[in-house]
Amino acid sequence: MNQDKMLKINKRSFITVCLILISFMILSYILTFIIPHGFYPTQDEINAGAEIIYTPLEEKGFSFIKFILSPILVLGSDSGITIIVVSLFILILGGAFNVIDKTGGINAIIASLIRKFKNRKYLLIYIISLFFMLFGSLFGIFEESVTLLPIIILLSLGMGWDTFTGLAMCLMAAGFGFSTAITNPFSVGLASKVMDLNILDGIWFRILVFILMYILLCTFITIHVKRIEKNPSSSPSYEADEEKRKHLNFENVFEDKNTKVLKVYTAFFIIILLIIIVSSVLPIVQKLGISIPIIAISFLIGVFIACAILKYSFKDTLKMFISGVSGIAPAIIMILLAGSIKYILDEGQIMATLIDRLTNLLKGTSPIIGILFIYLAILLIQFFIGSASAKVILIIPIITIIADQLGISRNIALLAFIFGDGFTDLIYPTNPVLLISLGISSFSYTKWVKKTFLLQIIILIITSLLLILGYYINY
């Protein structure tokens, strides 16, 4: 596969998401003329001891000029700093991973794992799956699985398996990791900041969830592999895979020719992980709310140092970095549009009314119903808005208030957000990464749904039970 940039916004997806967000902006604007206005005490007033009571107002409507300028005006709102931080972080991450990709870093790590475990088939499956799950869970990386997918499919075919096994070890594992986030900066990191939580709050339960879902994934892949080993024709891509094998030479595909690259980037990711942990436990960092900028700066400085060690000139490194930034830059527009929706609802003073109506609807019900309602709401929104960072800005403040008023811990609300934001990326047809991956693999969406639908049902049941368990153990 030839791909210019590792993290890149698909044009069709970008246009679709923007149209959806603009539609929500228009709907929000119309609602300001329909829904009565109201407000809650400010955060400073709440901190000073004010009771969280909804106060209705008589006004309706919203300035049309403010509506048109909301993508710009939102930068001066309470969410402005968060939007700027999120945007810079995404740009830096896009540039950094493009540099790592172009200098052979991730391929070197994968190739090393393949070389060491190629004679231990099932252990290889578990190692590769764990690698992608950890990348998704710790760093929030999902899109780059598209870049690495071809080499994993080649490995799968070379081991006598099929295209679906390659998709499962790579794409599905990355999705599972993103959905069982431990320190994922796009979901746990950003949402924790908005919810006034430390990123390590409740991390023990998220680690347990990660282990459980890793076991589920490995079990699913193992069952599939054993089935096709027993009867190769049972593979959904059997005929196509047989044709591929006739034209492929596996002997030198996974040779790692530069151990220095491997050592440099292994050290790089270990250091980044340590920085994430340290920045999450230092009280001064949490008090100032600068953990995300620290991680971003670490990526920025780290890739330039790594390239310097690998003898790449600053100019060449900068070109690769800028190329990666340009590929991910359209995401900033989506974040601004998502922020605009919240801005219109806030400035139009109907957000408080919507929250009050919603919490009144749920009052008197079990907190468990509230937890499952939050989960369901995120699952529905995820179909239209796949970006985790966009949803953090749009709905995390609402979820936080609902959780507080229903007696649900913010950790459980955060977990519901993580679950709802991730797993459906592996089945919703509105997710561009899934469709691109299936296109690269020549694996039809219909076959994919047929093969994974039962797994998605199992995931929905397990994650719902985990949320309920979290409530009962006071998570």
Protein backbone atom coordinates (compact mmCIF):
# COMPACT_ATOMS: atom_id res chain seq x y z
CA MET A 1 0.00 0.00 0.00
CA ASN A 2 1.26 3.43 -0.89
CA GLN A 3 0.00 6.05 1.47
CA ASP A 4 1.44 9.53 1.75
CA LYS A 5 0.44 10.15 5.33
CA MET A 6 -0.14 7.79 8.24
CA LEU A 7 -2.93 9.80 9.87
CA LYS A 8 -5.09 11.28 7.15
CA ILE A 9 -8.68 12.49 7.03
CA ASN A 10 -10.64 10.82 4.26
CA LYS A 11 -12.22 13.46 1.97
CA ARG A 12 -15.63 11.79 1.76
CA SER A 13 -15.72 11.23 5.51
CA PHE A 14 -14.68 14.83 6.13
CA ILE A 15 -17.46 16.23 3.95
CA THR A 16 -20.05 13.87 5.44
CA VAL A 17 -19.12 14.66 9.04
CA CYS A 18 -19.03 18.40 8.33
CA LEU A 19 -22.49 18.29 6.76
CA ILE A 20 -23.82 16.38 9.74
CA LEU A 21 -22.25 18.83 12.20
CA ILE A 22 -23.56 21.84 10.24
CA SER A 23 -27.02 20.22 10.28
CA PHE A 24 -26.77 19.91 14.06
CA MET A 25 -25.68 23.54 14.25
CA ILE A 26 -28.76 24.61 12.30
CA LEU A 27 -30.97 22.40 14.45
CA SER A 28 -29.45 23.88 17.61
CA TYR A 29 -30.09 27.39 16.28
CA ILE A 30 -33.74 26.55 15.56
CA LEU A 31 -34.14 24.99 19.01
CA THR A 32 -33.14 28.27 20.66
CA PHE A 33 -36.43 29.70 19.33
CA ILE A 34 -38.48 26.73 20.50
CA ILE A 35 -37.04 25.62 23.84
CA PRO A 36 -37.33 27.97 26.86
CA HIS A 37 -34.03 29.40 28.07
CA GLY A 38 -32.57 28.70 31.51
CA PHE A 39 -29.33 28.33 33.40
CA TYR A 40 -27.46 26.50 36.16
CA PRO A 41 -24.99 28.14 38.57
CA THR A 42 -21.51 28.64 37.14
CA GLN A 43 -18.68 26.29 38.10
CA ASP A 44 -17.20 28.99 40.35
CA GLU A 45 -20.54 29.40 42.13
CA ILE A 46 -20.84 25.63 42.55
CA ASN A 47 -17.30 25.50 43.98
CA ALA A 48 -18.30 28.25 46.40
CA GLY A 49 -21.14 26.07 47.71
CA ALA A 50 -24.09 27.08 45.51
CA GLU A 51 -26.72 24.40 45.02
CA ILE A 52 -27.12 23.04 41.49
CA ILE A 53 -30.63 24.33 40.76
CA TYR A 54 -32.08 25.05 37.32
CA THR A 55 -33.46 28.58 36.83
CA PRO A 56 -35.87 29.16 33.88
CA LEU A 57 -35.85 32.37 31.80
CA GLU A 58 -38.41 34.04 29.58
CA GLU A 59 -36.15 34.76 26.57
CA LYS A 60 -36.02 32.75 23.36
CA GLY A 61 -33.93 32.95 20.19
CA PHE A 62 -30.27 33.49 19.31
CA SER A 63 -28.33 36.07 17.28
CA PHE A 64 -27.97 35.04 13.63
CA ILE A 65 -24.58 36.78 13.41
CA LYS A 66 -23.33 34.79 16.40
CA PHE A 67 -24.67 31.63 14.78
CA ILE A 68 -22.72 32.29 11.56
CA LEU A 69 -19.54 33.20 13.48
CA SER A 70 -19.86 30.46 16.11
CA PRO A 71 -16.89 28.37 14.78
CA ILE A 72 -14.70 31.40 15.52
CA LEU A 73 -16.49 32.74 18.60
CA VAL A 74 -16.28 29.34 20.29
CA LEU A 75 -12.53 29.90 20.68
CA GLY A 76 -13.32 32.70 23.14
CA SER A 77 -15.75 30.59 25.14
CA ASP A 78 -15.14 28.33 28.13
CA SER A 79 -14.38 25.51 25.69
CA GLY A 80 -11.90 27.61 23.70
CA ILE A 81 -8.75 26.54 25.52
CA THR A 82 -9.75 22.88 25.30
CA ILE A 83 -10.41 23.20 21.56
CA ILE A 84 -7.03 24.86 20.98
CA VAL A 85 -5.19 22.25 23.05
CA VAL A 86 -7.00 19.38 21.32
CA SER A 87 -6.32 20.86 17.89
CA LEU A 88 -2.60 21.36 18.50
CA PHE A 89 -2.29 17.88 19.96
CA ILE A 90 -3.95 16.29 16.92
CA LEU A 91 -1.71 18.23 14.53
CA ILE A 92 1.44 17.24 16.42
CA LEU A 93 0.38 13.60 16.63
CA GLY A 94 -0.41 13.52 12.91
CA GLY A 95 2.99 14.97 12.08
CA ALA A 96 4.85 12.74 14.54
CA PHE A 97 3.34 9.48 13.35
CA ASN A 98 3.97 10.38 9.74
CA VAL A 99 7.65 10.85 10.60
CA ILE A 100 7.73 7.53 12.47
CA ASP A 101 6.07 5.81 9.51
CA LYS A 102 8.34 7.33 6.85
CA THR A 103 11.50 6.48 8.80
CA GLY A 104 10.41 2.86 9.24
CA GLY A 105 9.82 2.93 12.98
CA ILE A 106 6.53 1.07 13.33
CA ASN A 107 7.37 -1.40 10.57
CA ALA A 108 10.65 -2.17 12.36
CA ILE A 109 8.82 -2.94 15.61
CA ILE A 110 6.27 -5.15 13.83
CA ALA A 111 8.96 -6.90 11.80
CA SER A 112 10.94 -7.67 14.95
CA LEU A 113 7.92 -9.28 16.59
CA ILE A 114 7.15 -11.30 13.46
CA ARG A 115 10.72 -12.56 13.14
CA LYS A 116 10.90 -13.70 16.75
CA PHE A 117 7.55 -15.48 16.87
CA LYS A 118 6.99 -16.76 13.33
CA ASN A 119 7.49 -20.38 14.43
CA ARG A 120 5.01 -20.11 17.30
CA LYS A 121 1.80 -19.50 15.44
CA TYR A 122 -0.76 -18.87 18.14
CA LEU A 123 1.64 -16.93 20.30
CA LEU A 124 2.29 -14.73 17.27
CA ILE A 125 -1.44 -14.01 16.99
CA TYR A 126 -1.58 -13.01 20.65
CA ILE A 127 1.57 -10.84 20.41
CA ILE A 128 0.45 -8.96 17.29
CA SER A 129 -3.06 -8.45 18.69
CA LEU A 130 -1.62 -7.21 21.99
CA PHE A 131 0.67 -4.81 20.14
CA PHE A 132 -2.21 -3.14 18.30
CA MET A 133 -4.48 -3.17 21.34
CA LEU A 134 -1.82 -1.48 23.45
CA PHE A 135 -1.21 1.17 20.80
CA GLY A 136 -4.93 1.90 20.67
CA SER A 137 -5.39 1.82 24.44
CA LEU A 138 -2.31 3.81 25.45
CA PHE A 139 -1.87 6.23 22.54
CA GLY A 140 -5.33 6.36 20.96
CA ILE A 141 -3.99 5.10 17.64
CA PHE A 142 -6.53 3.53 15.27
CA GLU A 143 -6.08 5.09 11.81
CA GLU A 144 -2.51 3.90 11.35
CA SER A 145 -3.73 0.30 11.42
CA VAL A 146 -4.70 1.00 7.80
CA THR A 147 -1.03 1.61 7.00
CA LEU A 148 0.12 -1.55 8.74
CA LEU A 149 -2.77 -3.72 7.58
CA PRO A 150 -1.21 -4.97 4.31
CA ILE A 151 1.88 -6.37 6.03
CA ILE A 152 -0.24 -8.15 8.66
CA ILE A 153 -2.47 -9.65 5.96
CA LEU A 154 0.65 -10.86 4.15
CA LEU A 155 1.81 -12.44 7.38
CA SER A 156 -1.56 -14.10 7.87
CA LEU A 157 -1.58 -15.56 4.35
CA GLY A 158 2.01 -16.70 4.73
CA MET A 159 1.13 -18.55 7.93
CA GLY A 160 -1.65 -20.41 6.12
CA TRP A 161 -4.50 -18.32 7.52
CA ASP A 162 -6.75 -15.85 5.68
CA THR A 163 -7.42 -12.16 5.10
CA PHE A 164 -9.96 -11.99 7.91
CA THR A 165 -7.34 -13.19 10.41
CA GLY A 166 -5.08 -10.34 9.31
CA LEU A 167 -7.95 -7.88 9.69
CA ALA A 168 -8.70 -9.24 13.15
CA MET A 169 -5.08 -9.10 14.38
CA CYS A 170 -4.62 -5.55 13.08
CA LEU A 171 -7.78 -3.49 12.55
CA MET A 172 -9.97 -5.24 15.10
CA ALA A 173 -7.22 -5.29 17.73
CA ALA A 174 -6.59 -1.57 17.25
CA GLY A 175 -10.32 -0.92 17.59
CA PHE A 176 -10.53 -3.05 20.72
CA GLY A 177 -7.60 -1.13 22.18
CA PHE A 178 -9.15 2.26 21.43
CA SER A 179 -12.38 1.02 23.02
CA THR A 180 -10.68 -0.24 26.19
CA ALA A 181 -8.66 2.90 26.71
CA ILE A 182 -6.19 2.96 29.58
CA THR A 183 -4.42 6.26 28.83
CA ASN A 184 -5.82 7.01 25.35
CA PRO A 185 -5.27 10.80 25.12
CA PHE A 186 -8.18 11.28 22.70
CA SER A 187 -10.82 9.75 24.98
CA VAL A 188 -9.55 9.17 28.53
CA GLY A 189 -7.07 12.05 28.45
CA LEU A 190 -9.30 14.77 27.05
CA ALA A 191 -12.50 13.59 28.73
CA SER A 192 -10.76 13.30 32.12
CA LYS A 193 -9.61 16.89 31.81
CA VAL A 194 -13.14 18.12 30.99
CA MET A 195 -14.65 15.98 33.79
CA ASP A 196 -12.04 17.22 36.32
CA LEU A 197 -10.62 13.72 36.81
CA ASN A 198 -7.03 12.54 36.99
CA ILE A 199 -6.25 10.31 34.04
CA LEU A 200 -5.18 7.62 36.53
CA ASP A 201 -8.46 7.79 38.46
CA GLY A 202 -10.03 4.35 38.19
CA ILE A 203 -7.26 3.09 35.93
CA TRP A 204 -7.22 -0.28 37.73
CA PHE A 205 -10.72 -1.07 36.47
CA ARG A 206 -9.86 0.04 32.93
CA ILE A 207 -6.84 -2.29 33.01
CA LEU A 208 -9.10 -5.17 34.06
CA VAL A 209 -11.48 -4.29 31.22
CA PHE A 210 -8.55 -4.25 28.80
CA ILE A 211 -7.44 -7.72 29.92
CA LEU A 212 -10.97 -9.12 29.66
CA MET A 213 -11.54 -7.75 26.16
CA TYR A 214 -8.07 -8.90 25.07
CA ILE A 215 -8.99 -12.44 26.14
CA LEU A 216 -12.28 -12.14 24.24
CA LEU A 217 -10.48 -10.97 21.09
CA CYS A 218 -7.86 -13.72 21.26
CA THR A 219 -10.55 -16.34 21.83
CA PHE A 220 -12.51 -15.06 18.84
CA ILE A 221 -9.46 -15.10 16.54
CA THR A 222 -8.31 -18.52 17.79
CA ILE A 223 -11.71 -20.09 17.14
CA HIS A 224 -11.69 -18.66 13.62
CA VAL A 225 -8.11 -19.80 12.89
CA LYS A 226 -8.71 -23.32 14.15
CA ARG A 227 -11.82 -23.53 12.00
CA ILE A 228 -10.02 -22.55 8.80
CA GLU A 229 -7.02 -24.73 9.63
CA LYS A 230 -9.40 -27.66 9.86
CA ASN A 231 -11.37 -26.62 6.78
CA PRO A 232 -9.66 -23.87 4.71
CA SER A 233 -12.67 -23.49 2.41
CA SER A 234 -14.72 -22.26 5.37
CA SER A 235 -12.87 -18.95 5.17
CA PRO A 236 -15.08 -16.13 3.82
CA SER A 237 -12.22 -15.11 1.50
CA TYR A 238 -10.90 -18.58 0.60
CA GLU A 239 -10.88 -18.29 -3.20
CA ALA A 240 -9.48 -14.75 -3.23
CA ASP A 241 -6.76 -15.71 -0.74
CA GLU A 242 -5.71 -18.69 -2.82
CA GLU A 243 -5.22 -16.38 -5.80
CA LYS A 244 -3.16 -13.98 -3.67
CA ARG A 245 -0.85 -16.76 -2.48
CA LYS A 246 0.00 -17.69 -6.06
CA HIS A 247 1.52 -14.26 -6.67
CA LEU A 248 3.23 -13.59 -3.36
CA ASN A 249 6.73 -14.29 -2.10
CA PHE A 250 6.93 -14.35 1.67
CA GLU A 251 10.59 -15.10 2.14
CA ASN A 252 11.93 -11.57 2.67
CA VAL A 253 8.77 -9.55 3.24
CA PHE A 254 9.33 -9.13 6.97
CA GLU A 255 13.12 -8.74 7.08
CA ASP A 256 14.15 -5.92 9.44
CA LYS A 257 17.24 -4.43 7.82
CA ASN A 258 17.91 -1.73 10.36
CA THR A 259 18.08 -2.72 14.02
CA LYS A 260 19.03 0.85 14.91
CA VAL A 261 15.58 2.05 13.81
CA LEU A 262 14.00 -0.61 16.01
CA LYS A 263 16.06 0.36 19.05
CA VAL A 264 15.47 4.09 18.60
CA TYR A 265 11.69 3.86 18.28
CA THR A 266 11.32 1.22 20.98
CA ALA A 267 13.10 3.63 23.32
CA PHE A 268 10.95 6.49 21.97
CA PHE A 269 7.64 4.79 22.82
CA ILE A 270 8.87 3.63 26.22
CA ILE A 271 9.84 7.21 27.07
CA ILE A 272 6.49 8.55 25.82
CA LEU A 273 4.66 6.00 27.98
CA LEU A 274 6.71 7.02 31.02
CA ILE A 275 5.96 10.68 30.34
CA ILE A 276 2.24 9.92 30.16
CA ILE A 277 2.38 8.14 33.50
CA VAL A 278 4.53 10.78 35.23
CA SER A 279 2.49 13.71 33.91
CA SER A 280 -0.64 11.97 35.15
CA VAL A 281 0.55 11.48 38.73
CA LEU A 282 2.27 14.81 39.38
CA PRO A 283 -0.22 17.04 41.28
CA ILE A 284 1.22 20.27 39.86
CA VAL A 285 0.69 19.02 36.29
CA GLN A 286 -2.90 18.04 37.05
CA LYS A 287 -3.59 21.32 38.83
CA LEU A 288 -2.36 23.35 35.86
CA GLY A 289 -4.10 21.02 33.38
CA ILE A 290 -1.02 20.71 31.18
CA SER A 291 -0.67 16.94 30.86
CA ILE A 292 -1.94 16.90 27.25
CA PRO A 293 0.42 19.73 26.16
CA ILE A 294 3.33 17.91 27.84
CA ILE A 295 2.55 14.71 25.95
CA ALA A 296 2.21 16.67 22.70
CA ILE A 297 5.54 18.42 23.20
CA SER A 298 7.13 15.06 24.02
CA PHE A 299 5.95 13.65 20.69
CA LEU A 300 7.13 16.77 18.87
CA ILE A 301 10.62 16.86 20.37
CA GLY A 302 10.95 13.07 20.49
CA VAL A 303 10.51 12.42 16.75
CA PHE A 304 13.04 15.11 15.84
CA ILE A 305 15.57 13.65 18.29
CA ALA A 306 14.89 10.14 16.94
CA CYS A 307 15.44 11.33 13.37
CA ALA A 308 18.63 13.12 14.36
CA ILE A 309 19.94 9.88 15.86
CA LEU A 310 18.97 8.08 12.65
CA LYS A 311 20.93 10.68 10.62
CA TYR A 312 17.95 12.39 9.00
CA SER A 313 18.44 16.09 8.42
CA PHE A 314 16.24 18.57 10.26
CA LYS A 315 14.91 19.76 6.91
CA ASP A 316 13.83 16.27 5.81
CA THR A 317 12.27 15.55 9.20
CA LEU A 318 10.38 18.83 9.08
CA LYS A 319 9.03 18.00 5.61
CA MET A 320 7.74 14.65 6.81
CA PHE A 321 6.25 16.28 9.89
CA ILE A 322 4.48 19.01 7.91
CA SER A 323 3.18 16.39 5.48
CA GLY A 324 1.61 14.52 8.39
CA VAL A 325 0.16 17.73 9.82
CA SER A 326 -1.48 18.58 6.50
CA GLY A 327 -3.09 15.16 6.35
CA ILE A 328 -4.75 15.50 9.74
CA ALA A 329 -5.46 19.26 9.58
CA PRO A 330 -9.09 18.96 8.33
CA ALA A 331 -9.93 17.41 11.71
CA ILE A 332 -9.59 20.90 13.21
CA ILE A 333 -12.57 22.10 11.19
CA MET A 334 -14.65 19.21 12.51
CA ILE A 335 -13.63 20.03 16.08
CA LEU A 336 -14.56 23.71 15.60
CA LEU A 337 -17.96 22.74 14.16
CA ALA A 338 -18.58 20.32 17.03
CA GLY A 339 -17.59 23.03 19.50
CA SER A 340 -19.95 25.43 17.73
CA ILE A 341 -22.93 23.22 18.53
CA LYS A 342 -22.20 23.39 22.25
CA TYR A 343 -21.51 27.13 21.93
CA ILE A 344 -24.93 27.75 20.35
CA LEU A 345 -26.68 25.63 22.97
CA ASP A 346 -24.78 27.38 25.78
CA GLU A 347 -25.08 30.95 24.48
CA GLY A 348 -28.67 30.33 23.47
CA GLN A 349 -29.21 29.21 27.08
CA ILE A 350 -31.06 26.05 26.16
CA MET A 351 -28.36 23.56 27.19
CA ALA A 352 -29.41 23.90 30.83
CA THR A 353 -33.06 23.39 29.86
CA LEU A 354 -32.24 20.26 27.85
CA ILE A 355 -30.21 18.85 30.74
CA ASP A 356 -32.97 19.70 33.23
CA ARG A 357 -35.63 18.00 31.08
CA LEU A 358 -33.42 14.98 30.57
CA THR A 359 -32.51 14.58 34.24
CA ASN A 360 -36.16 15.03 35.23
CA LEU A 361 -37.03 12.24 32.81
CA LEU A 362 -34.51 9.98 34.53
CA LYS A 363 -35.26 11.06 38.11
CA GLY A 364 -36.77 8.34 40.24
CA THR A 365 -35.22 5.67 38.08
CA SER A 366 -32.33 3.46 39.08
CA PRO A 367 -28.85 4.92 38.51
CA ILE A 368 -28.26 1.78 36.47
CA ILE A 369 -30.87 2.96 33.97
CA GLY A 370 -29.07 6.30 33.90
CA ILE A 371 -25.76 4.57 33.19
CA LEU A 372 -27.23 2.52 30.35
CA PHE A 373 -28.99 5.60 29.00
CA ILE A 374 -25.67 7.47 28.81
CA TYR A 375 -24.14 4.46 27.05
CA LEU A 376 -27.02 4.27 24.56
CA ALA A 377 -26.87 8.02 23.85
CA ILE A 378 -23.17 7.82 23.00
CA LEU A 379 -23.73 4.76 20.79
CA LEU A 380 -26.32 6.73 18.80
CA ILE A 381 -24.19 9.88 18.52
CA GLN A 382 -21.20 7.74 17.48
CA PHE A 383 -23.01 6.73 14.29
CA PHE A 384 -22.96 10.36 13.13
CA ILE A 385 -19.84 11.74 14.82
CA GLY A 386 -16.95 9.26 14.96
CA SER A 387 -14.29 11.66 16.25
CA ALA A 388 -13.59 11.05 19.95
CA SER A 389 -12.17 14.54 20.46
CA ALA A 390 -15.20 16.16 18.81
CA LYS A 391 -17.56 14.21 21.07
CA VAL A 392 -15.52 15.14 24.15
CA ILE A 393 -16.13 18.82 23.46
CA LEU A 394 -19.77 18.29 22.49
CA ILE A 395 -21.22 15.88 25.03
CA ILE A 396 -18.82 15.22 27.93
CA PRO A 397 -19.96 18.39 29.79
CA ILE A 398 -23.57 17.22 29.45
CA ILE A 399 -22.75 13.68 30.57
CA THR A 400 -20.88 15.04 33.59
CA ILE A 401 -23.87 17.03 34.83
CA ILE A 402 -26.30 14.16 34.21
CA ALA A 403 -24.02 11.75 36.07
CA ASP A 404 -23.66 14.11 39.04
CA GLN A 405 -27.40 14.68 39.30
CA LEU A 406 -28.26 10.97 39.04
CA GLY A 407 -25.69 9.87 41.57
CA ILE A 408 -23.49 8.13 38.99
CA SER A 409 -19.73 8.38 39.48
CA ARG A 410 -17.85 10.29 36.82
CA ASN A 411 -15.55 7.29 36.36
CA ILE A 412 -18.51 5.16 35.26
CA ALA A 413 -19.77 7.93 32.98
CA LEU A 414 -16.28 8.15 31.47
CA LEU A 415 -16.20 4.37 30.97
CA ALA A 416 -19.59 4.49 29.23
CA PHE A 417 -18.19 7.17 26.93
CA ILE A 418 -15.10 5.07 26.14
CA PHE A 419 -17.19 1.98 25.34
CA GLY A 420 -19.69 3.89 23.21
CA ASP A 421 -16.98 5.79 21.37
CA GLY A 422 -14.89 2.79 20.32
CA PHE A 423 -16.34 -0.63 19.61
CA THR A 424 -18.87 0.56 17.03
CA ASP A 425 -16.00 1.85 14.89
CA LEU A 426 -15.68 -1.81 13.90
CA ILE A 427 -19.18 -2.11 12.48
CA TYR A 428 -20.71 1.31 11.70
CA PRO A 429 -20.56 1.94 7.92
CA THR A 430 -20.04 5.64 8.66
CA ASN A 431 -16.53 4.89 9.94
CA PRO A 432 -14.05 5.62 7.13
CA VAL A 433 -11.18 3.61 8.65
CA LEU A 434 -13.29 0.45 8.54
CA LEU A 435 -14.40 0.99 4.94
CA ILE A 436 -10.87 1.86 3.76
CA SER A 437 -9.46 -1.20 5.50
CA LEU A 438 -12.03 -3.49 3.95
CA GLY A 439 -11.34 -1.92 0.55
CA ILE A 440 -7.59 -2.47 0.86
CA SER A 441 -8.21 -6.07 1.93
CA SER A 442 -10.78 -6.75 -0.82
CA PHE A 443 -13.09 -7.96 1.95
CA SER A 444 -16.74 -7.01 1.52
CA TYR A 445 -18.61 -5.07 4.20
CA THR A 446 -21.44 -7.61 4.08
CA LYS A 447 -19.05 -10.46 4.88
CA TRP A 448 -17.48 -8.39 7.64
CA VAL A 449 -20.84 -7.71 9.31
CA LYS A 450 -21.84 -11.36 9.00
CA LYS A 451 -18.55 -12.44 10.57
CA THR A 452 -18.48 -9.89 13.42
CA PHE A 453 -22.15 -9.19 14.23
CA LEU A 454 -22.38 -11.84 16.98
CA LEU A 455 -19.13 -10.54 18.47
CA GLN A 456 -20.61 -7.02 18.60
CA ILE A 457 -23.67 -8.36 20.45
CA ILE A 458 -21.40 -10.12 22.94
CA ILE A 459 -19.40 -6.90 23.39
CA LEU A 460 -22.58 -4.90 24.01
CA ILE A 461 -23.71 -7.35 26.69
CA ILE A 462 -20.30 -7.55 28.38
CA THR A 463 -19.72 -3.78 28.40
CA SER A 464 -23.22 -3.15 29.78
CA LEU A 465 -22.58 -5.67 32.56
CA LEU A 466 -19.20 -4.07 33.28
CA LEU A 467 -20.86 -0.66 33.69
CA ILE A 468 -23.44 -2.16 36.05
CA LEU A 469 -20.67 -3.95 37.98
CA GLY A 470 -18.80 -0.66 38.25
CA TYR A 471 -21.83 0.91 39.94
CA TYR A 472 -22.19 -1.91 42.47
CA ILE A 473 -18.52 -1.83 43.46
CA ASN A 474 -18.63 1.98 43.80
CA TYR A 475 -16.19 2.50 40.94
